[in-house]
C-alpha cells in the first residue's frame, strides 16, 4: 500500500539521519540544575518529615502508605494493592491532596525526583564522546497508533506543563552560536482530524472561521454568545473536546473537572446534541471495529482490536475507546510523517544546511543556520500545512530561539 511505500520506508533513512545528527545538550546548565533540584528535594524532605512527625524513607511506597493511612489516617477509605500494601500512586494522591498538607508536598517531591533521575542526571551521561551530542533512537513499530516513540533518552515525554520540566527543554540547544532552533508545531491537529473525519459542521465551522475551537464549542454547549464564554466554560468545553478523542465517559469527565456526575452527564448530552455528526462518527467507529476487529486511519493504517467483541466489560470498553482514538491519533501521526518526508526532501533538494533533529508527536524541531532561518520558515510551513488535503485547514505554529523552550 501507499502507506508503507510512500511514508514508512522513506522515513527509515530520515529517522536514521536525525539519530546520527543528534541534539546538543547544555551539560553545564543541567549540572547546575541538578544541584538546584537536590536543594529543593532536601527542603521538601524536611517539610514532609515535619508533617509526618517521624523520619521515614520517602522513596518507599510501603513506608509512605503506612505513614499516610495508619499514622496520619488521611482517609478511612484507603485502597490496597493485591500484595496488601496501600496504594500511593499519583492518581490516588491527587484525589487526596486536600486531606492533609503532607500530600501536595509528596506529589511535588515525587515529580522533582522523577525529573532528576529520568532527565537531569542521565542526559549529560548520554552525550556521545565524539559528537558531543545525544543521539536518541526513534522507533517506528512500537506505538500501536502509528506514532513514533523514542528511547535512550525518550524525548517524547519531557513535561512542558511544569516549570521544572520546562527547565529541561532549556538544556536542548543549537549546534553553535551561528544556529538557532526552530520549533514547528501542528495546532490542535487531533481535533482538526476529528472534524475532518466526522465532517461535523459545528466543529468544522470553528476551524474554517479560524475561531478558538474550545470557545466556539463552549458557546454552542452552554448556549451563550461567543464573546460571552467564560474561562470556566471554555475549560469545560476543552475537556469534553479532548475527552471525545479518547472515548471519555461521564465518570471520566466528572473526575477531570471536579464536578458532579449529573452535571457532567448534562454537559455531554448538550455536546452530543450540538455536535451530533461527531457523535454519529464515534458510534460508526465502534460499529466498524466490531465488524472488522480493527480501526483504520485516513491513510489506511490499521490497528487490530480483537477485544472489541470480548465478553469482559473492561476489555471491551478499552477496545471501544481505541476504536475512536486510533483513527484520529493514527491519522495525525500519519500526517506528520508525510510532512517529515516532504520537508526532508525539500531540504536535500535546496541544499539547505538546516537539519531536522527531533520529532515529538505533533512537533518538529530543526537546527537552522541563522542566515537560513527566515527563508526556511515558509518552506517548513508549506510542507507541514500541505502534508494532506483535509476539509479543515492544518495550521502550524512556529517559534525559534536559542534553546528548545524558546522554540516551543
Protein backbone atom coordinates (compact mmCIF):
# COMPACT_ATOMS: atom_id res chain seq x y z
CA UNK A 1 0.00 0.00 0.00
CA UNK A 2 0.94 3.66 -0.28
CA UNK A 3 1.33 3.86 3.49
CA UNK A 4 4.35 1.62 3.60
CA UNK A 5 6.00 2.68 0.33
CA UNK A 6 5.29 6.40 0.46
CA UNK A 7 5.58 7.02 4.18
CA UNK A 8 7.17 4.33 6.33
CA UNK A 9 10.02 3.26 4.02
CA UNK A 10 11.25 6.79 3.15
CA UNK A 11 11.01 7.63 6.85
CA UNK A 12 13.61 5.00 7.78
CA UNK A 13 16.54 6.94 6.31
CA UNK A 14 15.14 10.24 7.61
CA UNK A 15 14.99 8.91 11.18
CA UNK A 16 18.49 7.45 10.77
CA UNK A 17 19.70 10.87 9.68
CA UNK A 18 18.05 12.53 12.70
CA UNK A 19 19.54 9.96 15.06
CA UNK A 20 23.02 10.40 13.60
CA UNK A 21 22.78 14.20 13.63
CA UNK A 22 21.79 14.20 17.30
CA UNK A 23 20.96 17.12 19.56
CA UNK A 24 23.32 19.32 21.51
CA UNK A 25 22.76 19.46 25.26
CA UNK A 26 23.94 22.12 27.68
CA UNK A 27 25.54 19.78 30.21
CA UNK A 28 26.79 22.62 32.40
CA UNK A 29 23.29 24.02 32.76
CA UNK A 30 21.91 20.59 33.68
CA UNK A 31 24.69 20.16 36.23
CA UNK A 32 23.70 23.42 37.91
CA UNK A 33 20.03 22.50 37.72
CA UNK A 34 20.80 19.15 39.34
CA UNK A 35 22.33 20.94 42.34
CA UNK A 36 19.31 23.23 42.49
CA UNK A 37 16.92 20.24 42.41
CA UNK A 38 18.85 18.49 45.16
CA UNK A 39 18.35 21.58 47.33
CA UNK A 40 14.63 21.70 46.58
CA UNK A 41 14.25 17.99 47.35
CA UNK A 42 16.15 18.41 50.61
CA UNK A 43 13.77 21.21 51.70
CA UNK A 44 10.72 19.14 50.73
CA UNK A 45 12.14 16.18 52.66
CA UNK A 46 12.42 18.30 55.82
CA UNK A 47 8.87 19.66 55.43
CA UNK A 48 7.41 16.20 54.79
CA UNK A 49 9.22 14.74 57.81
CA UNK A 50 7.84 17.58 59.97
CA UNK A 51 4.30 16.91 58.74
CA UNK A 52 4.68 13.17 59.34
CA UNK A 53 6.21 13.70 62.77
CA UNK A 54 8.62 10.84 62.11
CA UNK A 55 11.56 10.04 59.81
CA UNK A 56 10.74 7.55 57.05
CA UNK A 57 12.02 6.57 53.61
CA UNK A 58 10.16 8.82 51.18
CA UNK A 59 11.05 6.62 48.25
CA UNK A 60 9.41 3.54 49.75
CA UNK A 61 5.72 3.33 48.76
CA UNK A 62 5.23 0.82 51.58
CA UNK A 63 6.52 3.18 54.31
CA UNK A 64 4.70 6.11 52.73
CA UNK A 65 1.44 4.12 52.75
CA UNK A 66 1.68 3.31 56.42
CA UNK A 67 2.51 6.95 57.32
CA UNK A 68 -0.44 8.31 55.28
CA UNK A 69 -3.09 5.76 56.13
CA UNK A 70 -2.06 4.44 59.56
CA UNK A 71 -0.08 7.18 61.30
CA UNK A 72 -1.88 10.24 59.88
CA UNK A 73 -5.10 8.45 58.75
CA UNK A 74 -5.73 10.98 55.99
CA UNK A 75 -8.73 8.93 54.81
CA UNK A 76 -10.71 5.96 56.06
CA UNK A 77 -11.18 4.70 52.51
CA UNK A 78 -7.58 3.69 51.79
CA UNK A 79 -7.21 1.18 48.95
CA UNK A 80 -4.72 -1.66 48.98
CA UNK A 81 -2.88 -3.44 46.19
CA UNK A 82 -3.06 -7.19 45.61
CA UNK A 83 0.01 -7.67 47.76
CA UNK A 84 -1.74 -5.93 50.64
CA UNK A 85 0.17 -2.66 50.73
CA UNK A 86 -1.53 0.71 50.43
CA UNK A 87 -1.92 2.32 47.02
CA UNK A 88 0.07 5.55 46.83
CA UNK A 89 0.11 6.14 43.07
CA UNK A 90 -0.11 9.66 41.70
CA UNK A 91 -3.81 9.37 40.80
CA UNK A 92 -4.60 8.16 44.34
CA UNK A 93 -2.65 11.01 45.94
CA UNK A 94 -4.14 13.65 43.63
CA UNK A 95 -7.64 12.81 44.83
CA UNK A 96 -6.46 13.11 48.44
CA UNK A 97 -4.47 16.31 48.04
CA UNK A 98 -6.94 18.35 50.14
CA UNK A 99 -6.98 15.91 53.04
CA UNK A 100 -3.63 16.84 54.61
CA UNK A 101 -0.80 19.33 53.85
CA UNK A 102 1.65 16.43 53.51
CA UNK A 103 0.01 15.14 50.30
CA UNK A 104 0.81 18.05 47.90
CA UNK A 105 4.36 18.04 49.29
CA UNK A 106 4.76 14.35 48.43
CA UNK A 107 3.35 14.86 44.93
CA UNK A 108 5.84 17.70 44.36
CA UNK A 109 8.71 15.66 45.82
CA UNK A 110 8.00 12.75 43.50
CA UNK A 111 7.69 14.99 40.46
CA UNK A 112 11.08 16.62 41.06
CA UNK A 113 12.69 13.31 41.97
CA UNK A 114 11.47 11.75 38.71
CA UNK A 115 12.78 14.67 36.63
CA UNK A 116 16.13 14.44 38.37
CA UNK A 117 16.51 10.70 37.87
CA UNK A 118 14.93 10.48 34.39
CA UNK A 119 16.46 13.51 32.70
CA UNK A 120 18.66 15.86 34.67
CA UNK A 121 21.18 13.22 35.79
CA UNK A 122 21.15 10.79 32.83
CA UNK A 123 21.12 13.28 29.91
CA UNK A 124 24.70 14.56 30.36
CA UNK A 125 25.91 10.94 30.62
CA UNK A 126 24.31 10.15 27.26
CA UNK A 127 26.40 12.77 25.43
CA UNK A 128 28.47 10.96 22.81
CA UNK A 129 32.21 11.49 23.37
CA UNK A 130 32.94 12.02 19.64
CA UNK A 131 29.98 14.16 18.59
CA UNK A 132 29.28 16.00 21.85
CA UNK A 133 25.58 15.37 21.34
CA UNK A 134 22.89 12.98 22.44
CA UNK A 135 21.52 10.53 19.90
CA UNK A 136 18.09 9.15 20.67
CA UNK A 137 16.64 6.08 18.92
CA UNK A 138 13.34 6.56 17.13
CA UNK A 139 11.06 3.56 16.83
CA UNK A 140 8.53 3.21 14.05
CA UNK A 141 6.84 -0.01 15.05
CA UNK A 142 6.27 0.27 18.80
CA UNK A 143 3.27 2.56 19.35
CA UNK A 144 0.12 0.83 18.13
CA UNK A 145 -1.40 4.08 16.84
CA UNK A 146 1.43 4.65 14.37
CA UNK A 147 3.09 7.38 16.41
CA UNK A 148 6.84 7.38 16.66
CA UNK A 149 8.39 6.68 20.02
CA UNK A 150 11.94 7.28 21.17
CA UNK A 151 14.31 5.83 23.73
CA UNK A 152 17.72 6.40 25.31
CA UNK A 153 16.71 9.14 26.01
CA UNK A 154 12.96 9.24 25.50
CA UNK A 155 12.45 12.75 24.12
CA UNK A 156 8.71 12.35 23.72
CA UNK A 157 7.57 12.75 27.30
CA UNK A 158 9.65 15.60 28.66
CA UNK A 159 6.99 17.53 30.57
CA UNK A 160 6.23 21.01 29.28
CA UNK A 161 3.40 21.93 31.65
CA UNK A 162 5.53 22.26 34.77
CA UNK A 163 8.18 24.88 35.42
CA UNK A 164 10.66 22.14 36.34
CA UNK A 165 10.00 20.30 33.07
CA UNK A 166 10.46 23.49 31.08
CA UNK A 167 13.94 23.87 32.56
CA UNK A 168 14.93 20.60 30.89
CA UNK A 169 13.84 21.85 27.47
CA UNK A 170 16.12 24.82 28.07
CA UNK A 171 19.10 22.45 28.03
CA UNK A 172 18.45 21.47 24.40
CA UNK A 173 20.45 23.96 22.33
CA UNK A 174 21.58 24.61 18.72
CA UNK A 175 24.89 23.18 17.46
CA UNK A 176 26.73 26.51 17.84
CA UNK A 177 26.24 30.27 18.12
CA UNK A 178 25.55 30.57 14.38
CA UNK A 179 22.50 28.35 14.65
CA UNK A 180 19.00 28.65 16.10
CA UNK A 181 16.42 26.02 16.96
CA UNK A 182 13.16 26.23 15.04
CA UNK A 183 10.12 24.51 16.51
CA UNK A 184 7.13 23.87 14.24
CA UNK A 185 4.06 22.52 15.92
CA UNK A 186 0.69 21.46 14.48
CA UNK A 187 -2.07 23.40 16.20
CA UNK A 188 -4.75 21.06 17.63
CA UNK A 189 -4.13 18.51 14.91
CA UNK A 190 -6.17 15.72 16.50
CA UNK A 191 -9.26 17.88 16.84
CA UNK A 192 -8.83 19.04 13.24
CA UNK A 193 -8.54 15.42 12.13
CA UNK A 194 -11.67 14.55 14.15
CA UNK A 195 -13.50 17.43 12.45
CA UNK A 196 -12.34 16.31 9.00
CA UNK A 197 -13.08 12.61 9.52
CA UNK A 198 -16.50 13.19 11.09
CA UNK A 199 -17.38 16.15 8.81
CA UNK A 200 -19.22 17.62 11.81
CA UNK A 201 -20.46 21.07 10.70
CA UNK A 202 -20.10 22.65 14.15
CA UNK A 203 -16.52 21.55 14.62
CA UNK A 204 -15.53 22.22 11.00
CA UNK A 205 -17.02 25.73 11.06
CA UNK A 206 -14.95 26.71 14.08
CA UNK A 207 -11.75 25.73 12.24
CA UNK A 208 -12.82 27.16 8.88
CA UNK A 209 -13.67 30.51 10.51
CA UNK A 210 -10.41 30.43 12.42
CA UNK A 211 -12.21 30.64 15.78
CA UNK A 212 -10.82 29.39 19.05
CA UNK A 213 -12.30 25.90 18.88
CA UNK A 214 -12.82 25.45 22.63
CA UNK A 215 -14.60 28.79 22.96
CA UNK A 216 -16.71 28.02 19.88
CA UNK A 217 -17.63 24.66 21.42
CA UNK A 218 -18.48 26.29 24.76
CA UNK A 219 -20.67 28.86 23.03
CA UNK A 220 -22.75 26.04 21.49
CA UNK A 221 -22.81 23.71 24.51
CA UNK A 222 -23.72 26.39 27.05
CA UNK A 223 -25.83 28.38 24.58
CA UNK A 224 -24.08 31.72 25.06
CA UNK A 225 -22.63 34.16 22.54
CA UNK A 226 -19.00 33.54 21.59
CA UNK A 227 -17.79 36.73 23.27
CA UNK A 228 -19.64 35.84 26.49
CA UNK A 229 -17.92 32.48 27.06
CA UNK A 230 -16.27 32.41 30.49
CA UNK A 231 -12.87 30.83 31.09
CA UNK A 232 -14.55 28.12 33.16
CA UNK A 233 -16.94 27.29 30.31
CA UNK A 234 -14.04 27.21 27.89
CA UNK A 235 -12.03 24.82 30.04
CA UNK A 236 -15.08 22.55 30.44
CA UNK A 237 -15.62 22.54 26.68
CA UNK A 238 -11.93 21.84 26.16
CA UNK A 239 -12.14 18.84 28.48
CA UNK A 240 -15.11 17.50 26.51
CA UNK A 241 -13.42 18.14 23.15
CA UNK A 242 -10.37 16.16 24.18
CA UNK A 243 -12.45 13.64 26.10
CA UNK A 244 -14.27 12.75 22.87
CA UNK A 245 -10.93 11.92 21.23
CA UNK A 246 -10.09 9.49 23.99
CA UNK A 247 -13.54 7.99 24.44
CA UNK A 248 -14.00 9.52 27.86
CA UNK A 249 -17.38 8.99 29.52
CA UNK A 250 -19.43 10.81 32.14
CA UNK A 251 -17.39 9.44 35.03
CA UNK A 252 -14.05 10.47 33.49
CA UNK A 253 -15.26 13.98 32.71
CA UNK A 254 -16.74 14.48 36.19
CA UNK A 255 -13.46 13.39 37.72
CA UNK A 256 -11.30 15.57 35.50
CA UNK A 257 -13.35 18.72 36.04
CA UNK A 258 -14.15 18.01 39.68
CA UNK A 259 -17.88 18.31 39.04
CA UNK A 260 -20.86 16.10 39.95
CA UNK A 261 -21.65 13.23 37.60
CA UNK A 262 -25.11 14.59 36.89
CA UNK A 263 -23.57 17.86 35.70
CA UNK A 264 -21.04 16.01 33.53
CA UNK A 265 -23.90 14.00 32.05
CA UNK A 266 -25.76 17.22 31.16
CA UNK A 267 -22.66 18.75 29.54
CA UNK A 268 -22.02 15.64 27.43
CA UNK A 269 -25.70 15.41 26.42
CA UNK A 270 -25.67 19.04 25.33
CA UNK A 271 -22.39 18.49 23.47
CA UNK A 272 -23.77 15.46 21.61
CA UNK A 273 -26.86 17.41 20.67
CA UNK A 274 -24.80 20.26 19.24
CA UNK A 275 -22.22 18.04 17.56
CA UNK A 276 -24.42 15.12 16.59
CA UNK A 277 -22.42 14.34 13.42
CA UNK A 278 -19.35 13.84 15.59
CA UNK A 279 -21.32 11.59 17.92
CA UNK A 280 -22.55 9.57 14.92
CA UNK A 281 -18.94 9.29 13.72
CA UNK A 282 -17.69 7.93 17.07
CA UNK A 283 -20.53 5.40 17.05
CA UNK A 284 -19.69 4.35 13.50
CA UNK A 285 -16.03 3.85 14.50
CA UNK A 286 -17.14 1.41 17.20
CA UNK A 287 -19.59 -0.34 14.87
CA UNK A 288 -16.90 -0.74 12.20
CA UNK A 289 -14.42 -2.07 14.77
CA UNK A 290 -16.99 -4.66 15.93
CA UNK A 291 -17.44 -5.88 12.37
CA UNK A 292 -13.80 -5.88 11.29
CA UNK A 293 -11.97 -6.10 14.63
CA UNK A 294 -9.65 -3.26 13.61
CA UNK A 295 -9.69 0.52 13.36
CA UNK A 296 -8.31 2.39 10.36
CA UNK A 297 -6.68 5.80 9.79
CA UNK A 298 -7.13 8.14 6.80
CA UNK A 299 -4.09 6.59 5.15
CA UNK A 300 -5.24 3.04 5.75
CA UNK A 301 -3.11 2.20 8.79
CA UNK A 302 -4.92 -0.49 10.76
CA UNK A 303 -4.90 -1.20 14.45
CA UNK A 304 -6.22 -4.60 15.41
CA UNK A 305 -8.85 -4.53 18.17
CA UNK A 306 -9.82 -8.13 18.93
CA UNK A 307 -11.04 -7.07 22.39
CA UNK A 308 -13.93 -5.12 20.91
CA UNK A 309 -16.15 -8.23 20.91
CA UNK A 310 -14.93 -9.52 24.27
CA UNK A 311 -17.32 -10.68 26.98
CA UNK A 312 -15.15 -8.92 29.53
CA UNK A 313 -16.66 -5.46 30.05
CA UNK A 314 -13.36 -3.74 30.79
CA UNK A 315 -11.54 -5.27 27.83
CA UNK A 316 -14.44 -4.33 25.58
CA UNK A 317 -14.65 -0.73 26.86
CA UNK A 318 -10.89 -0.29 26.35
CA UNK A 319 -11.13 -1.56 22.76
CA UNK A 320 -14.12 0.69 22.07
CA UNK A 321 -12.20 3.74 23.27
CA UNK A 322 -9.34 2.78 20.96
CA UNK A 323 -11.76 2.27 18.08
CA UNK A 324 -12.46 6.01 18.29
CA UNK A 325 -8.99 7.16 19.26
CA UNK A 326 -6.86 5.05 16.88
CA UNK A 327 -8.23 6.53 13.63
CA UNK A 328 -7.83 10.07 14.96
CA UNK A 329 -4.46 9.81 16.70
CA UNK A 330 -3.19 7.48 13.99
CA UNK A 331 -4.19 9.87 11.19
CA UNK A 332 -2.44 12.73 13.00
CA UNK A 333 0.66 10.54 13.29
CA UNK A 334 0.47 9.72 9.56
CA UNK A 335 0.17 13.41 8.67
CA UNK A 336 3.33 14.48 10.50
CA UNK A 337 5.21 11.56 8.93
CA UNK A 338 4.12 12.74 5.46
CA UNK A 339 5.27 16.26 6.44
CA UNK A 340 8.67 14.91 7.54
CA UNK A 341 9.19 13.13 4.22
CA UNK A 342 8.19 16.28 2.30
CA UNK A 343 10.38 18.56 4.38
CA UNK A 344 13.41 16.28 4.32
CA UNK A 345 13.21 16.08 0.51
CA UNK A 346 12.91 19.87 0.27
CA UNK A 347 15.97 20.38 2.49
CA UNK A 348 18.01 18.00 0.33
CA UNK A 349 16.76 19.43 -2.96
CA UNK A 350 17.50 23.02 -1.98
CA UNK A 351 20.87 22.15 -0.45
CA UNK A 352 19.89 23.69 2.89
CA UNK A 353 22.26 23.32 5.82
CA UNK A 354 19.33 23.13 8.28
CA UNK A 355 18.60 19.73 9.78
CA UNK A 356 15.52 18.11 11.30
CA UNK A 357 16.79 16.98 14.70
CA UNK A 358 13.70 15.97 16.70
CA UNK A 359 10.11 14.86 16.29
CA UNK A 360 7.87 14.96 19.31
CA UNK A 361 4.38 13.84 18.27
CA UNK A 362 2.91 17.00 16.70
CA UNK A 363 6.12 19.00 16.68
CA UNK A 364 9.27 19.07 14.53
CA UNK A 365 12.46 20.71 15.76
CA UNK A 366 15.13 21.90 13.32
CA UNK A 367 18.67 23.13 13.87
CA UNK A 368 18.98 26.04 11.44
CA UNK A 369 21.85 28.36 10.48
CA UNK A 370 20.81 31.92 11.39
CA UNK A 371 21.14 33.12 7.79
CA UNK A 372 18.70 30.43 6.60
CA UNK A 373 16.07 30.92 9.26
CA UNK A 374 13.72 33.49 7.67
CA UNK A 375 13.99 31.89 4.23
CA UNK A 376 13.30 28.44 5.60
CA UNK A 377 10.22 29.22 7.72
CA UNK A 378 7.75 29.43 4.78
CA UNK A 379 9.11 26.14 3.40
CA UNK A 380 8.63 24.33 6.72
CA UNK A 381 5.14 25.79 6.98
CA UNK A 382 4.24 24.78 3.44
CA UNK A 383 5.50 21.18 3.86
CA UNK A 384 3.58 20.72 7.09
CA UNK A 385 0.37 22.55 6.27
CA UNK A 386 0.01 20.89 2.86
CA UNK A 387 1.01 17.39 4.02
CA UNK A 388 -2.51 16.14 3.30
CA UNK A 389 -5.66 17.73 1.93
CA UNK A 390 -8.44 17.67 4.50
CA UNK A 391 -11.62 19.75 4.71
CA UNK A 392 -10.31 21.95 7.52
CA UNK A 393 -7.02 23.85 7.40
CA UNK A 394 -3.92 22.42 9.05
CA UNK A 395 -2.22 25.21 10.96
CA UNK A 396 1.40 25.24 12.13
CA UNK A 397 2.71 27.41 14.97
CA UNK A 398 6.37 28.29 14.65
CA UNK A 399 8.90 29.70 17.05
CA UNK A 400 12.66 29.99 17.00
CA UNK A 401 15.13 30.59 19.79
CA UNK A 402 18.42 29.84 21.49
CA UNK A 403 17.03 26.69 23.13
CA UNK A 404 14.11 24.28 22.76
CA UNK A 405 11.98 26.06 25.36
CA UNK A 406 12.24 29.33 23.45
CA UNK A 407 11.44 27.49 20.21
CA UNK A 408 8.29 25.87 21.56
